[in-house]
PDB file of all heavy atoms in Angstrom:
ATOM      1  N   LEU A   1       0.800  -1.226   0.000  1.00  0.00           N
ATOM      2  CA  LEU A   1       0.000   0.000   0.000  1.00  0.00           C
ATOM      3  C   LEU A   1       0.834   1.278   0.000  1.00  0.00           C
ATOM      4  O   LEU A   1       0.282   2.370   0.158  1.00  0.00           O
ATOM      5  CB  LEU A   1      -0.931   0.006   1.221  1.00  0.00           C
ATOM      6  CG  LEU A   1      -1.970  -1.119   1.285  1.00  0.00           C
ATOM      7  CD1 LEU A   1      -2.734  -1.056   2.602  1.00  0.00           C
ATOM      8  CD2 LEU A   1      -2.934  -1.053   0.106  1.00  0.00           C
ATOM      9  N   GLN A   2       2.120   1.183  -0.208  1.00  0.00           N
ATOM     10  CA  GLN A   2       2.991   2.342  -0.048  1.00  0.00           C
ATOM     11  C   GLN A   2       2.647   3.493  -0.979  1.00  0.00           C
ATOM     12  O   GLN A   2       2.941   4.652  -0.671  1.00  0.00           O
ATOM     13  CB  GLN A   2       4.448   1.938  -0.235  1.00  0.00           C
ATOM     14  CG  GLN A   2       4.784   1.390  -1.610  1.00  0.00           C
ATOM     15  CD  GLN A   2       6.208   0.867  -1.702  1.00  0.00           C
ATOM     16  OE1 GLN A   2       7.138   1.621  -2.004  1.00  0.00           O
ATOM     17  NE2 GLN A   2       6.390  -0.410  -1.420  1.00  0.00           N
ATOM     18  N   SER A   3       2.021   3.220  -2.121  1.00  0.00           N
ATOM     19  CA  SER A   3       1.682   4.300  -3.056  1.00  0.00           C
ATOM     20  C   SER A   3       0.176   4.504  -3.192  1.00  0.00           C
ATOM     21  O   SER A   3      -0.289   5.097  -4.163  1.00  0.00           O
ATOM     22  CB  SER A   3       2.290   4.010  -4.439  1.00  0.00           C
ATOM     23  OG  SER A   3       1.756   2.818  -4.990  1.00  0.00           O
ATOM     24  N   CYS A   4      -0.603   4.035  -2.213  1.00  0.00           N
ATOM     25  CA  CYS A   4      -2.058   4.091  -2.355  1.00  0.00           C
ATOM     26  C   CYS A   4      -2.608   5.513  -2.291  1.00  0.00           C
ATOM     27  O   CYS A   4      -3.768   5.741  -2.642  1.00  0.00           O
ATOM     28  CB  CYS A   4      -2.745   3.214  -1.311  1.00  0.00           C
ATOM     29  SG  CYS A   4      -2.670   3.825   0.382  1.00  0.00           S
ATOM     30  N   ASP A   5      -1.783   6.470  -1.868  1.00  0.00           N
ATOM     31  CA  ASP A   5      -2.234   7.859  -1.820  1.00  0.00           C
ATOM     32  C   ASP A   5      -1.819   8.660  -3.050  1.00  0.00           C
ATOM     33  O   ASP A   5      -2.118   9.860  -3.155  1.00  0.00           O
ATOM     34  CB  ASP A   5      -1.702   8.551  -0.562  1.00  0.00           C
ATOM     35  CG  ASP A   5      -0.182   8.552  -0.470  1.00  0.00           C
ATOM     36  OD1 ASP A   5       0.452   7.694  -1.136  1.00  0.00           O
ATOM     37  OD2 ASP A   5       0.362   9.388   0.260  1.00  0.00           O
ATOM     38  N   GLN A   6      -1.154   8.018  -3.997  1.00  0.00           N
ATOM     39  CA  GLN A   6      -0.727   8.713  -5.208  1.00  0.00           C
ATOM     40  C   GLN A   6      -1.862   8.753  -6.226  1.00  0.00           C
ATOM     41  O   GLN A   6      -2.624   7.791  -6.363  1.00  0.00           O
ATOM     42  CB  GLN A   6       0.499   8.008  -5.808  1.00  0.00           C
ATOM     43  CG  GLN A   6       1.733   8.079  -4.926  1.00  0.00           C
ATOM     44  CD  GLN A   6       2.930   7.359  -5.533  1.00  0.00           C
ATOM     45  OE1 GLN A   6       2.909   6.934  -6.691  1.00  0.00           O
ATOM     46  NE2 GLN A   6       3.985   7.209  -4.748  1.00  0.00           N
ATOM     47  N   THR A   7      -1.979   9.857  -6.929  1.00  0.00           N
ATOM     48  CA  THR A   7      -3.044  10.003  -7.907  1.00  0.00           C
ATOM     49  C   THR A   7      -2.810   9.086  -9.111  1.00  0.00           C
ATOM     50  O   THR A   7      -1.671   8.775  -9.461  1.00  0.00           O
ATOM     51  CB  THR A   7      -3.136  11.456  -8.394  1.00  0.00           C
ATOM     52  OG1 THR A   7      -1.869  11.842  -8.967  1.00  0.00           O
ATOM     53  CG2 THR A   7      -3.477  12.391  -7.250  1.00  0.00           C
ATOM     54  N   GLY A   8      -3.901   8.670  -9.717  1.00  0.00           N
ATOM     55  CA  GLY A   8      -3.817   7.865 -10.932  1.00  0.00           C
ATOM     56  C   GLY A   8      -3.608   6.380 -10.717  1.00  0.00           C
ATOM     57  O   GLY A   8      -3.532   5.622 -11.681  1.00  0.00           O
ATOM     58  N   GLN A   9      -3.515   5.937  -9.468  1.00  0.00           N
ATOM     59  CA  GLN A   9      -3.311   4.519  -9.195  1.00  0.00           C
ATOM     60  C   GLN A   9      -4.623   3.758  -9.357  1.00  0.00           C
ATOM     61  O   GLN A   9      -5.710   4.269  -9.049  1.00  0.00           O
ATOM     62  CB  GLN A   9      -2.779   4.322  -7.779  1.00  0.00           C
ATOM     63  CG  GLN A   9      -1.433   4.974  -7.515  1.00  0.00           C
ATOM     64  CD  GLN A   9      -0.294   4.246  -8.210  1.00  0.00           C
ATOM     65  OE1 GLN A   9      -0.251   3.024  -8.232  1.00  0.00           O
ATOM     66  NE2 GLN A   9       0.628   4.996  -8.772  1.00  0.00           N
ATOM     67  N   GLN A  10      -4.534   2.517  -9.840  1.00  0.00           N
ATOM     68  CA  GLN A  10      -5.722   1.690 -10.051  1.00  0.00           C
ATOM     69  C   GLN A  10      -5.732   0.435  -9.182  1.00  0.00           C
ATOM     70  O   GLN A  10      -6.725   0.116  -8.549  1.00  0.00           O
ATOM     71  CB  GLN A  10      -5.822   1.304 -11.523  1.00  0.00           C
ATOM     72  CG  GLN A  10      -6.057   2.499 -12.437  1.00  0.00           C
ATOM     73  CD  GLN A  10      -6.146   2.090 -13.895  1.00  0.00           C
ATOM     74  OE1 GLN A  10      -5.155   1.776 -14.532  1.00  0.00           O
ATOM     75  NE2 GLN A  10      -7.359   2.078 -14.421  1.00  0.00           N
ATOM     76  N   MET A  11      -4.613  -0.278  -9.184  1.00  0.00           N
ATOM     77  CA  MET A  11      -4.508  -1.448  -8.318  1.00  0.00           C
ATOM     78  C   MET A  11      -3.040  -1.764  -8.062  1.00  0.00           C
ATOM     79  O   MET A  11      -2.156  -1.242  -8.750  1.00  0.00           O
ATOM     80  CB  MET A  11      -5.243  -2.651  -8.898  1.00  0.00           C
ATOM     81  CG  MET A  11      -4.702  -3.219 -10.183  1.00  0.00           C
ATOM     82  SD  MET A  11      -5.600  -4.728 -10.703  1.00  0.00           S
ATOM     83  CE  MET A  11      -5.071  -5.926  -9.473  1.00  0.00           C
ATOM     84  N   TRP A  12      -2.821  -2.606  -7.060  1.00  0.00           N
ATOM     85  CA  TRP A  12      -1.464  -2.876  -6.606  1.00  0.00           C
ATOM     86  C   TRP A  12      -1.295  -4.371  -6.340  1.00  0.00           C
ATOM     87  O   TRP A  12      -2.247  -5.079  -6.010  1.00  0.00           O
ATOM     88  CB  TRP A  12      -1.168  -2.145  -5.292  1.00  0.00           C
ATOM     89  CG  TRP A  12      -1.343  -0.666  -5.331  1.00  0.00           C
ATOM     90  CD1 TRP A  12      -0.377   0.289  -5.525  1.00  0.00           C
ATOM     91  CD2 TRP A  12      -2.565   0.073  -5.167  1.00  0.00           C
ATOM     92  NE1 TRP A  12      -0.912   1.554  -5.478  1.00  0.00           N
ATOM     93  CE2 TRP A  12      -2.257   1.455  -5.281  1.00  0.00           C
ATOM     94  CE3 TRP A  12      -3.894  -0.295  -4.949  1.00  0.00           C
ATOM     95  CZ2 TRP A  12      -3.228   2.452  -5.162  1.00  0.00           C
ATOM     96  CZ3 TRP A  12      -4.867   0.695  -4.841  1.00  0.00           C
ATOM     97  CH2 TRP A  12      -4.527   2.050  -4.946  1.00  0.00           C
ATOM     98  N   THR A  13      -0.058  -4.846  -6.458  1.00  0.00           N
ATOM     99  CA  THR A  13       0.291  -6.193  -6.047  1.00  0.00           C
ATOM    100  C   THR A  13       1.766  -6.205  -5.676  1.00  0.00           C
ATOM    101  O   THR A  13       2.434  -5.158  -5.692  1.00  0.00           O
ATOM    102  CB  THR A  13      -0.049  -7.233  -7.133  1.00  0.00           C
ATOM    103  OG1 THR A  13       0.005  -8.546  -6.572  1.00  0.00           O
ATOM    104  CG2 THR A  13       0.896  -7.140  -8.324  1.00  0.00           C
ATOM    105  N   LEU A  14       2.286  -7.376  -5.325  1.00  0.00           N
ATOM    106  CA  LEU A  14       3.668  -7.500  -4.868  1.00  0.00           C
ATOM    107  C   LEU A  14       4.459  -8.489  -5.719  1.00  0.00           C
ATOM    108  O   LEU A  14       3.896  -9.399  -6.336  1.00  0.00           O
ATOM    109  CB  LEU A  14       3.713  -7.992  -3.411  1.00  0.00           C
ATOM    110  CG  LEU A  14       3.210  -7.048  -2.326  1.00  0.00           C
ATOM    111  CD1 LEU A  14       3.221  -7.758  -0.969  1.00  0.00           C
ATOM    112  CD2 LEU A  14       4.059  -5.783  -2.257  1.00  0.00           C
ATOM    113  N   CYS A  15       5.770  -8.305  -5.717  1.00  0.00           N
ATOM    114  CA  CYS A  15       6.672  -9.288  -6.312  1.00  0.00           C
ATOM    115  C   CYS A  15       7.876  -9.457  -5.405  1.00  0.00           C
ATOM    116  O   CYS A  15       8.142  -8.623  -4.530  1.00  0.00           O
ATOM    117  CB  CYS A  15       7.112  -8.870  -7.714  1.00  0.00           C
ATOM    118  SG  CYS A  15       8.293  -7.492  -7.761  1.00  0.00           S
ATOM    119  N   LYS A  16       8.587 -10.543  -5.608  1.00  0.00           N
ATOM    120  CA  LYS A  16       9.800 -10.833  -4.844  1.00  0.00           C
ATOM    121  C   LYS A  16      10.843 -11.410  -5.790  1.00  0.00           C
ATOM    122  O   LYS A  16      10.524 -12.218  -6.663  1.00  0.00           O
ATOM    123  CB  LYS A  16       9.510 -11.831  -3.719  1.00  0.00           C
ATOM    124  CG  LYS A  16      10.716 -12.124  -2.835  1.00  0.00           C
ATOM    125  CD  LYS A  16      10.377 -13.160  -1.775  1.00  0.00           C
ATOM    126  CE  LYS A  16      11.587 -13.392  -0.858  1.00  0.00           C
ATOM    127  NZ  LYS A  16      12.760 -13.907  -1.597  1.00  0.00           N
ATOM    128  N   THR A  17      12.083 -10.997  -5.603  1.00  0.00           N
ATOM    129  CA  THR A  17      13.172 -11.552  -6.401  1.00  0.00           C
ATOM    130  C   THR A  17      13.299 -13.049  -6.148  1.00  0.00           C
ATOM    131  O   THR A  17      13.296 -13.506  -5.002  1.00  0.00           O
ATOM    132  CB  THR A  17      14.497 -10.857  -6.064  1.00  0.00           C
ATOM    133  OG1 THR A  17      14.373  -9.453  -6.334  1.00  0.00           O
ATOM    134  CG2 THR A  17      15.643 -11.427  -6.877  1.00  0.00           C
ATOM    135  N   ILE A  18      13.392 -13.820  -7.220  1.00  0.00           N
ATOM    136  CA  ILE A  18      13.548 -15.271  -7.097  1.00  0.00           C
ATOM    137  C   ILE A  18      14.977 -15.586  -6.680  1.00  0.00           C
ATOM    138  O   ILE A  18      15.937 -15.160  -7.320  1.00  0.00           O
ATOM    139  CB  ILE A  18      13.196 -15.962  -8.429  1.00  0.00           C
ATOM    140  CG1 ILE A  18      11.692 -15.836  -8.689  1.00  0.00           C
ATOM    141  CG2 ILE A  18      13.635 -17.426  -8.413  1.00  0.00           C
ATOM    142  CD1 ILE A  18      11.234 -16.446  -9.994  1.00  0.00           C
ATOM    143  N   GLU A  19      15.116 -16.319  -5.593  1.00  0.00           N
ATOM    144  CA  GLU A  19      16.425 -16.676  -5.058  1.00  0.00           C
ATOM    145  C   GLU A  19      16.769 -18.140  -5.262  1.00  0.00           C
ATOM    146  O   GLU A  19      17.923 -18.538  -5.112  1.00  0.00           O
ATOM    147  CB  GLU A  19      16.475 -16.323  -3.565  1.00  0.00           C
ATOM    148  CG  GLU A  19      16.268 -14.829  -3.303  1.00  0.00           C
ATOM    149  CD  GLU A  19      16.179 -14.495  -1.832  1.00  0.00           C
ATOM    150  OE1 GLU A  19      16.213 -15.437  -1.005  1.00  0.00           O
ATOM    151  OE2 GLU A  19      16.072 -13.306  -1.496  1.00  0.00           O
ATOM    152  N   ASN A  20      15.765 -18.946  -5.579  1.00  0.00           N
ATOM    153  CA  ASN A  20      15.964 -20.371  -5.862  1.00  0.00           C
ATOM    154  C   ASN A  20      15.778 -20.563  -7.362  1.00  0.00           C
ATOM    155  O   ASN A  20      14.678 -20.398  -7.896  1.00  0.00           O
ATOM    156  CB  ASN A  20      14.959 -21.202  -5.072  1.00  0.00           C
ATOM    157  CG  ASN A  20      15.075 -22.701  -5.345  1.00  0.00           C
ATOM    158  OD1 ASN A  20      15.817 -23.125  -6.230  1.00  0.00           O
ATOM    159  ND2 ASN A  20      14.338 -23.492  -4.593  1.00  0.00           N
ATOM    160  N   GLU A  21      16.848 -20.895  -8.059  1.00  0.00           N
ATOM    161  CA  GLU A  21      16.813 -20.956  -9.520  1.00  0.00           C
ATOM    162  C   GLU A  21      15.733 -21.887 -10.038  1.00  0.00           C
ATOM    163  O   GLU A  21      15.149 -21.641 -11.107  1.00  0.00           O
ATOM    164  CB  GLU A  21      18.180 -21.383 -10.057  1.00  0.00           C
ATOM    165  CG  GLU A  21      18.310 -21.249 -11.556  1.00  0.00           C
ATOM    166  CD  GLU A  21      19.716 -21.512 -12.058  1.00  0.00           C
ATOM    167  OE1 GLU A  21      20.665 -21.506 -11.238  1.00  0.00           O
ATOM    168  OE2 GLU A  21      19.877 -21.725 -13.274  1.00  0.00           O
ATOM    169  N   ALA A  22      15.406 -22.944  -9.296  1.00  0.00           N
ATOM    170  CA  ALA A  22      14.390 -23.888  -9.749  1.00  0.00           C
ATOM    171  C   ALA A  22      13.028 -23.221  -9.899  1.00  0.00           C
ATOM    172  O   ALA A  22      12.198 -23.638 -10.722  1.00  0.00           O
ATOM    173  CB  ALA A  22      14.298 -25.064  -8.781  1.00  0.00           C
ATOM    174  N   GLU A  23      12.779 -22.160  -9.126  1.00  0.00           N
ATOM    175  CA  GLU A  23      11.479 -21.496  -9.183  1.00  0.00           C
ATOM    176  C   GLU A  23      11.252 -20.776 -10.508  1.00  0.00           C
ATOM    177  O   GLU A  23      10.110 -20.522 -10.892  1.00  0.00           O
ATOM    178  CB  GLU A  23      11.340 -20.501  -8.027  1.00  0.00           C
ATOM    179  CG  GLU A  23      11.233 -21.173  -6.663  1.00  0.00           C
ATOM    180  CD  GLU A  23      10.956 -20.179  -5.550  1.00  0.00           C
ATOM    181  OE1 GLU A  23      11.190 -18.964  -5.754  1.00  0.00           O
ATOM    182  OE2 GLU A  23      10.488 -20.607  -4.485  1.00  0.00           O
ATOM    183  N   ILE A  24      12.328 -20.457 -11.212  1.00  0.00           N
ATOM    184  CA  ILE A  24      12.191 -19.807 -12.518  1.00  0.00           C
ATOM    185  C   ILE A  24      11.386 -20.693 -13.464  1.00  0.00           C
ATOM    186  O   ILE A  24      10.607 -20.201 -14.291  1.00  0.00           O
ATOM    187  CB  ILE A  24      13.577 -19.502 -13.128  1.00  0.00           C
ATOM    188  CG1 ILE A  24      14.361 -18.548 -12.228  1.00  0.00           C
ATOM    189  CG2 ILE A  24      13.445 -18.935 -14.538  1.00  0.00           C
ATOM    190  CD1 ILE A  24      15.810 -18.375 -12.663  1.00  0.00           C
ATOM    191  N   PHE A  25      11.550 -22.001 -13.339  1.00  0.00           N
ATOM    192  CA  PHE A  25      10.948 -22.948 -14.277  1.00  0.00           C
ATOM    193  C   PHE A  25       9.715 -23.646 -13.699  1.00  0.00           C
ATOM    194  O   PHE A  25       9.109 -24.468 -14.380  1.00  0.00           O
ATOM    195  CB  PHE A  25      11.993 -23.993 -14.672  1.00  0.00           C
ATOM    196  CG  PHE A  25      13.264 -23.383 -15.205  1.00  0.00           C
ATOM    197  CD1 PHE A  25      14.368 -23.189 -14.374  1.00  0.00           C
ATOM    198  CD2 PHE A  25      13.347 -22.965 -16.528  1.00  0.00           C
ATOM    199  CE1 PHE A  25      15.534 -22.612 -14.854  1.00  0.00           C
ATOM    200  CE2 PHE A  25      14.520 -22.382 -17.012  1.00  0.00           C
ATOM    201  CZ  PHE A  25      15.601 -22.199 -16.175  1.00  0.00           C
ATOM    202  N   ALA A  26       9.320 -23.299 -12.474  1.00  0.00           N
ATOM    203  CA  ALA A  26       8.170 -23.944 -11.830  1.00  0.00           C
ATOM    204  C   ALA A  26       6.869 -23.333 -12.341  1.00  0.00           C
ATOM    205  O   ALA A  26       6.628 -22.136 -12.174  1.00  0.00           O
ATOM    206  CB  ALA A  26       8.269 -23.798 -10.314  1.00  0.00           C
ATOM    207  N   SER A  27       6.021 -24.142 -12.964  1.00  0.00           N
ATOM    208  CA  SER A  27       4.800 -23.612 -13.575  1.00  0.00           C
ATOM    209  C   SER A  27       3.756 -23.201 -12.546  1.00  0.00           C
ATOM    210  O   SER A  27       2.818 -22.466 -12.879  1.00  0.00           O
ATOM    211  CB  SER A  27       4.198 -24.644 -14.531  1.00  0.00           C
ATOM    212  OG  SER A  27       3.827 -25.822 -13.835  1.00  0.00           O
ATOM    213  N   ASN A  28       3.890 -23.658 -11.304  1.00  0.00           N
ATOM    214  CA  ASN A  28       2.940 -23.247 -10.270  1.00  0.00           C
ATOM    215  C   ASN A  28       3.283 -21.878  -9.689  1.00  0.00           C
ATOM    216  O   ASN A  28       2.528 -21.340  -8.873  1.00  0.00           O
ATOM    217  CB  ASN A  28       2.897 -24.287  -9.146  1.00  0.00           C
ATOM    218  CG  ASN A  28       4.226 -24.420  -8.414  1.00  0.00           C
ATOM    219  OD1 ASN A  28       5.269 -24.519  -9.054  1.00  0.00           O
ATOM    220  ND2 ASN A  28       4.191 -24.418  -7.098  1.00  0.00           N
ATOM    221  N   ILE A  29       4.401 -21.302 -10.116  1.00  0.00           N
ATOM    222  CA  ILE A  29       4.825 -19.983  -9.634  1.00  0.00           C
ATOM    223  C   ILE A  29       4.695 -18.992 -10.782  1.00  0.00           C
ATOM    224  O   ILE A  29       5.319 -19.162 -11.840  1.00  0.00           O
ATOM    225  CB  ILE A  29       6.267 -20.014  -9.116  1.00  0.00           C
ATOM    226  CG1 ILE A  29       6.355 -20.892  -7.858  1.00  0.00           C
ATOM    227  CG2 ILE A  29       6.781 -18.600  -8.821  1.00  0.00           C
ATOM    228  CD1 ILE A  29       7.757 -21.082  -7.337  1.00  0.00           C
ATOM    229  N   ALA A  30       3.884 -17.967 -10.573  1.00  0.00           N
ATOM    230  CA  ALA A  30       3.718 -16.940 -11.607  1.00  0.00           C
ATOM    231  C   ALA A  30       4.891 -15.971 -11.544  1.00  0.00           C
ATOM    232  O   ALA A  30       5.263 -15.488 -10.476  1.00  0.00           O
ATOM    233  CB  ALA A  30       2.412 -16.182 -11.398  1.00  0.00           C
ATOM    234  N   LYS A  31       5.470 -15.727 -12.699  1.00  0.00           N
ATOM    235  CA  LYS A  31       6.554 -14.749 -12.814  1.00  0.00           C
ATOM    236  C   LYS A  31       6.010 -13.446 -13.378  1.00  0.00           C
ATOM    237  O   LYS A  31       4.940 -13.427 -13.985  1.00  0.00           O
ATOM    238  CB  LYS A  31       7.673 -15.287 -13.721  1.00  0.00           C
ATOM    239  CG  LYS A  31       8.696 -16.157 -12.988  1.00  0.00           C
ATOM    240  CD  LYS A  31       8.154 -17.508 -12.541  1.00  0.00           C
ATOM    241  CE  LYS A  31       7.871 -18.444 -13.696  1.00  0.00           C
ATOM    242  NZ  LYS A  31       7.475 -19.816 -13.244  1.00  0.00           N
ATOM    243  N   ILE A  32       6.756 -12.368 -13.190  1.00  0.00           N
ATOM    244  CA  ILE A  32       6.274 -11.054 -13.588  1.00  0.00           C
ATOM    245  C   ILE A  32       7.419 -10.218 -14.126  1.00  0.00           C
ATOM    246  O   ILE A  32       8.555 -10.318 -13.649  1.00  0.00           O
ATOM    247  CB  ILE A  32       5.593 -10.348 -12.380  1.00  0.00           C
ATOM    248  CG1 ILE A  32       5.024  -8.990 -12.770  1.00  0.00           C
ATOM    249  CG2 ILE A  32       6.550 -10.220 -11.213  1.00  0.00           C
ATOM    250  CD1 ILE A  32       4.204  -8.357 -11.660  1.00  0.00           C
ATOM    251  N   VAL A  33       7.125  -9.418 -15.160  1.00  0.00           N
ATOM    252  CA  VAL A  33       8.065  -8.400 -15.631  1.00  0.00           C
ATOM    253  C   VAL A  33       7.340  -7.060 -15.614  1.00  0.00           C
ATOM    254  O   VAL A  33       6.131  -6.987 -15.867  1.00  0.00           O
ATOM    255  CB  VAL A  33       8.598  -8.708 -17.048  1.00  0.00           C
ATOM    256  CG1 VAL A  33       9.556  -9.877 -17.015  1.00  0.00           C
ATOM    257  CG2 VAL A  33       7.460  -8.981 -18.027  1.00  0.00           C
ATOM    258  N   CYS A  34       8.096  -5.999 -15.309  1.00  0.00           N
ATOM    259  CA  CYS A  34       7.522  -4.665 -15.140  1.00  0.00           C
ATOM    260  C   CYS A  34       8.260  -3.648 -16.000  1.00  0.00           C
ATOM    261  O   CYS A  34       9.398  -3.880 -16.421  1.00  0.00           O
ATOM    262  CB  CYS A  34       7.609  -4.222 -13.675  1.00  0.00           C
ATOM    263  SG  CYS A  34       6.708  -5.284 -12.535  1.00  0.00           S
ATOM    264  N   ASP A  35       7.613  -2.504 -16.215  1.00  0.00           N
ATOM    265  CA  ASP A  35       8.303  -1.410 -16.881  1.00  0.00           C
ATOM    266  C   ASP A  35       9.132  -0.631 -15.864  1.00  0.00           C
ATOM    267  O   ASP A  35       9.157  -0.966 -14.671  1.00  0.00           O
ATOM    268  CB  ASP A  35       7.315  -0.510 -17.640  1.00  0.00           C
ATOM    269  CG  ASP A  35       6.344   0.237 -16.735  1.00  0.00           C
ATOM    270  OD1 ASP A  35       6.626   0.391 -15.524  1.00  0.00           O
ATOM    271  OD2 ASP A  35       5.286   0.691 -17.232  1.00  0.00           O
ATOM    272  N   LYS A  36       9.820   0.412 -16.311  1.00  0.00           N
ATOM    273  CA  LYS A  36      10.732   1.125 -15.410  1.00  0.00           C
ATOM    274  C   LYS A  36       9.999   1.952 -14.361  1.00  0.00           C
ATOM    275  O   LYS A  36      10.620   2.443 -13.422  1.00  0.00           O
ATOM    276  CB  LYS A  36      11.689   2.007 -16.218  1.00  0.00           C
ATOM    277  CG  LYS A  36      11.030   3.174 -16.937  1.00  0.00           C
ATOM    278  CD  LYS A  36      12.088   3.988 -17.671  1.00  0.00           C
ATOM    279  CE  LYS A  36      11.497   5.202 -18.379  1.00  0.00           C
ATOM    280  NZ  LYS A  36      12.558   5.987 -19.082  1.00  0.00           N
ATOM    281  N   TRP A  37       8.671   2.097 -14.509  1.00  0.00           N
ATOM    282  CA  TRP A  37       7.880   2.816 -13.522  1.00  0.00           C
ATOM    283  C   TRP A  37       7.214   1.869 -12.522  1.00  0.00           C
ATOM    284  O   TRP A  37       6.405   2.284 -11.708  1.00  0.00           O
ATOM    285  CB  TRP A  37       6.824   3.671 -14.216  1.00  0.00           C
ATOM    286  CG  TRP A  37       7.419   4.737 -15.082  1.00  0.00           C
ATOM    287  CD1 TRP A  37       7.939   5.936 -14.674  1.00  0.00           C
ATOM    288  CD2 TRP A  37       7.575   4.688 -16.497  1.00  0.00           C
ATOM    289  NE1 TRP A  37       8.408   6.629 -15.762  1.00  0.00           N
ATOM    290  CE2 TRP A  37       8.195   5.903 -16.896  1.00  0.00           C
ATOM    291  CE3 TRP A  37       7.245   3.753 -17.477  1.00  0.00           C
ATOM    292  CZ2 TRP A  37       8.498   6.185 -18.228  1.00  0.00           C
ATOM    293  CZ3 TRP A  37       7.545   4.034 -18.799  1.00  0.00           C
ATOM    294  CH2 TRP A  37       8.161   5.230 -19.157  1.00  0.00           C
ATOM    295  N   GLY A  38       7.536   0.579 -12.616  1.00  0.00           N
ATOM    296  CA  GLY A  38       6.975  -0.381 -11.675  1.00  0.00           C
ATOM    297  C   GLY A  38       5.581  -0.850 -12.014  1.00  0.00           C
ATOM    298  O   GLY A  38       4.875  -1.376 -11.149  1.00  0.00           O
ATOM    299  N   LYS A  39       5.173  -0.693 -13.269  1.00  0.00           N
ATOM    300  CA  LYS A  39       3.875  -1.198 -13.702  1.00  0.00           C
ATOM    301  C   LYS A  39       4.066  -2.562 -14.377  1.00  0.00           C
ATOM    302  O   LYS A  39       5.014  -2.760 -15.148  1.00  0.00           O
ATOM    303  CB  LYS A  39       3.214  -0.219 -14.687  1.00  0.00           C
ATOM    304  CG  LYS A  39       2.873   1.137 -14.079  1.00  0.00           C
ATOM    305  CD  LYS A  39       1.781   1.015 -13.027  1.00  0.00           C
ATOM    306  CE  LYS A  39       1.190   2.361 -12.630  1.00  0.00           C
ATOM    307  NZ  LYS A  39       2.144   3.218 -11.907  1.00  0.00           N
ATOM    308  N   ALA A  40       3.156  -3.470 -14.101  1.00  0.00           N
ATOM    309  CA  ALA A  40       3.260  -4.810 -14.670  1.00  0.00           C
ATOM    310  C   ALA A  40       3.120  -4.778 -16.178  1.00  0.00           C
ATOM    311  O   ALA A  40       2.219  -4.129 -16.714  1.00  0.00           O
ATOM    312  CB  ALA A  40       2.185  -5.707 -14.074  1.00  0.00           C
ATOM    313  N   LEU A  41       4.023  -5.471 -16.864  1.00  0.00           N
ATOM    314  CA  LEU A  41       3.926  -5.662 -18.305  1.00  0.00           C
ATOM    315  C   LEU A  41       3.273  -6.996 -18.639  1.00  0.00           C
ATOM    316  O   LEU A  41       2.460  -7.093 -19.547  1.00  0.00           O
ATOM    317  CB  LEU A  41       5.319  -5.615 -18.940  1.00  0.00           C
ATOM    318  CG  LEU A  41       6.011  -4.249 -18.975  1.00  0.00           C
ATOM    319  CD1 LEU A  41       7.457  -4.410 -19.431  1.00  0.00           C
ATOM    320  CD2 LEU A  41       5.267  -3.292 -19.894  1.00  0.00           C
ATOM    321  N   TYR A  42       3.652  -8.046 -17.884  1.00  0.00           N
ATOM    322  CA  TYR A  42       3.105  -9.366 -18.157  1.00  0.00           C
ATOM    323  C   TYR A  42       3.371 -10.291 -16.973  1.00  0.00           C
ATOM    324  O   TYR A  42       4.348 -10.122 -16.234  1.00  0.00           O
ATOM    325  CB  TYR A  42       3.708  -9.974 -19.435  1.00  0.00           C
ATOM    326  CG  TYR A  42       2.937 -11.179 -19.949  1.00  0.00           C
ATOM    327  CD1 TYR A  42       1.656 -11.027 -20.472  1.00  0.00           C
ATOM    328  CD2 TYR A  42       3.470 -12.460 -19.891  1.00  0.00           C
ATOM    329  CE1 TYR A  42       0.927 -12.125 -20.925  1.00  0.00           C
ATOM    330  CE2 TYR A  42       2.753 -13.561 -20.353  1.00  0.00           C
ATOM    331  CZ  TYR A  42       1.483 -13.381 -20.861  1.00  0.00           C
ATOM    332  OH  TYR A  42       0.758 -14.465 -21.305  1.00  0.00           O
ATOM    333  N   PHE A  43       2.462 -11.248 -16.801  1.00  0.00           N
ATOM    334  CA  PHE A  43       2.613 -12.335 -15.837  1.00  0.00           C
ATOM    335  C   PHE A  43       2.626 -13.640 -16.628  1.00  0.00           C
ATOM    336  O   PHE A  43       1.893 -13.783 -17.611  1.00  0.00           O
ATOM    337  CB  PHE A  43       1.431 -12.389 -14.871  1.00  0.00           C
ATOM    338  CG  PHE A  43       1.230 -11.171 -14.019  1.00  0.00           C
ATOM    339  CD1 PHE A  43       0.596 -10.039 -14.529  1.00  0.00           C
ATOM    340  CD2 PHE A  43       1.642 -11.158 -12.688  1.00  0.00           C
ATOM    341  CE1 PHE A  43       0.380  -8.925 -13.730  1.00  0.00           C
ATOM    342  CE2 PHE A  43       1.428 -10.041 -11.888  1.00  0.00           C
ATOM    343  CZ  PHE A  43       0.802  -8.920 -12.407  1.00  0.00           C
ATOM    344  N   SER A  44       3.419 -14.602 -16.185  1.00  0.00           N
ATOM    345  CA  SER A  44       3.450 -15.882 -16.890  1.00  0.00           C
ATOM    346  C   SER A  44       3.894 -17.004 -15.957  1.00  0.00           C
ATOM    347  O   SER A  44       4.663 -16.786 -15.012  1.00  0.00           O
ATOM    348  CB  SER A  44       4.400 -15.824 -18.087  1.00  0.00           C
ATOM    349  OG  SER A  44       4.400 -17.068 -18.782  1.00  0.00           O
ATOM    350  N   ARG A  45       3.412 -18.198 -16.260  1.00  0.00           N
ATOM    351  CA  ARG A  45       3.909 -19.390 -15.560  1.00  0.00           C
ATOM    352  C   ARG A  45       5.220 -19.867 -16.168  1.00  0.00           C
ATOM    353  O   ARG A  45       5.927 -20.672 -15.560  1.00  0.00           O
ATOM    354  CB  ARG A  45       2.858 -20.494 -15.606  1.00  0.00           C
ATOM    355  CG  ARG A  45       1.561 -20.113 -14.900  1.00  0.00           C
ATOM    356  CD  ARG A  45       0.583 -21.268 -14.839  1.00  0.00           C
ATOM    357  NE  ARG A  45      -0.663 -20.861 -14.219  1.00  0.00           N
ATOM    358  CZ  ARG A  45      -0.866 -20.788 -12.903  1.00  0.00           C
ATOM    359  NH1 ARG A  45       0.119 -21.104 -12.065  1.00  0.00           N
ATOM    360  NH2 ARG A  45      -2.028 -20.420 -12.410  1.00  0.00           N
ATOM    361  N   SER A  46       5.555 -19.373 -17.337  1.00  0.00           N
ATOM    362  CA  SER A  46       6.832 -19.683 -17.976  1.00  0.00           C
ATOM    363  C   SER A  46       7.908 -18.725 -17.474  1.00  0.00           C
ATOM    364  O   SER A  46       7.591 -17.661 -16.916  1.00  0.00           O
ATOM    365  CB  SER A  46       6.703 -19.542 -19.492  1.00  0.00           C
ATOM    366  OG  SER A  46       5.779 -20.465 -20.006  1.00  0.00           O
TER     367      SER A  46
END
């Protein structure tokens, strides 16, 4: 919720850096890439 008071926000979620290399390839774990402003570009099980 750190930016919930900023104008123009619609919704928020969290991500964490993967520290276990096996998780990169685990299909039960959704991965995410973002733009330079911290907005989600895509989520994938791949």
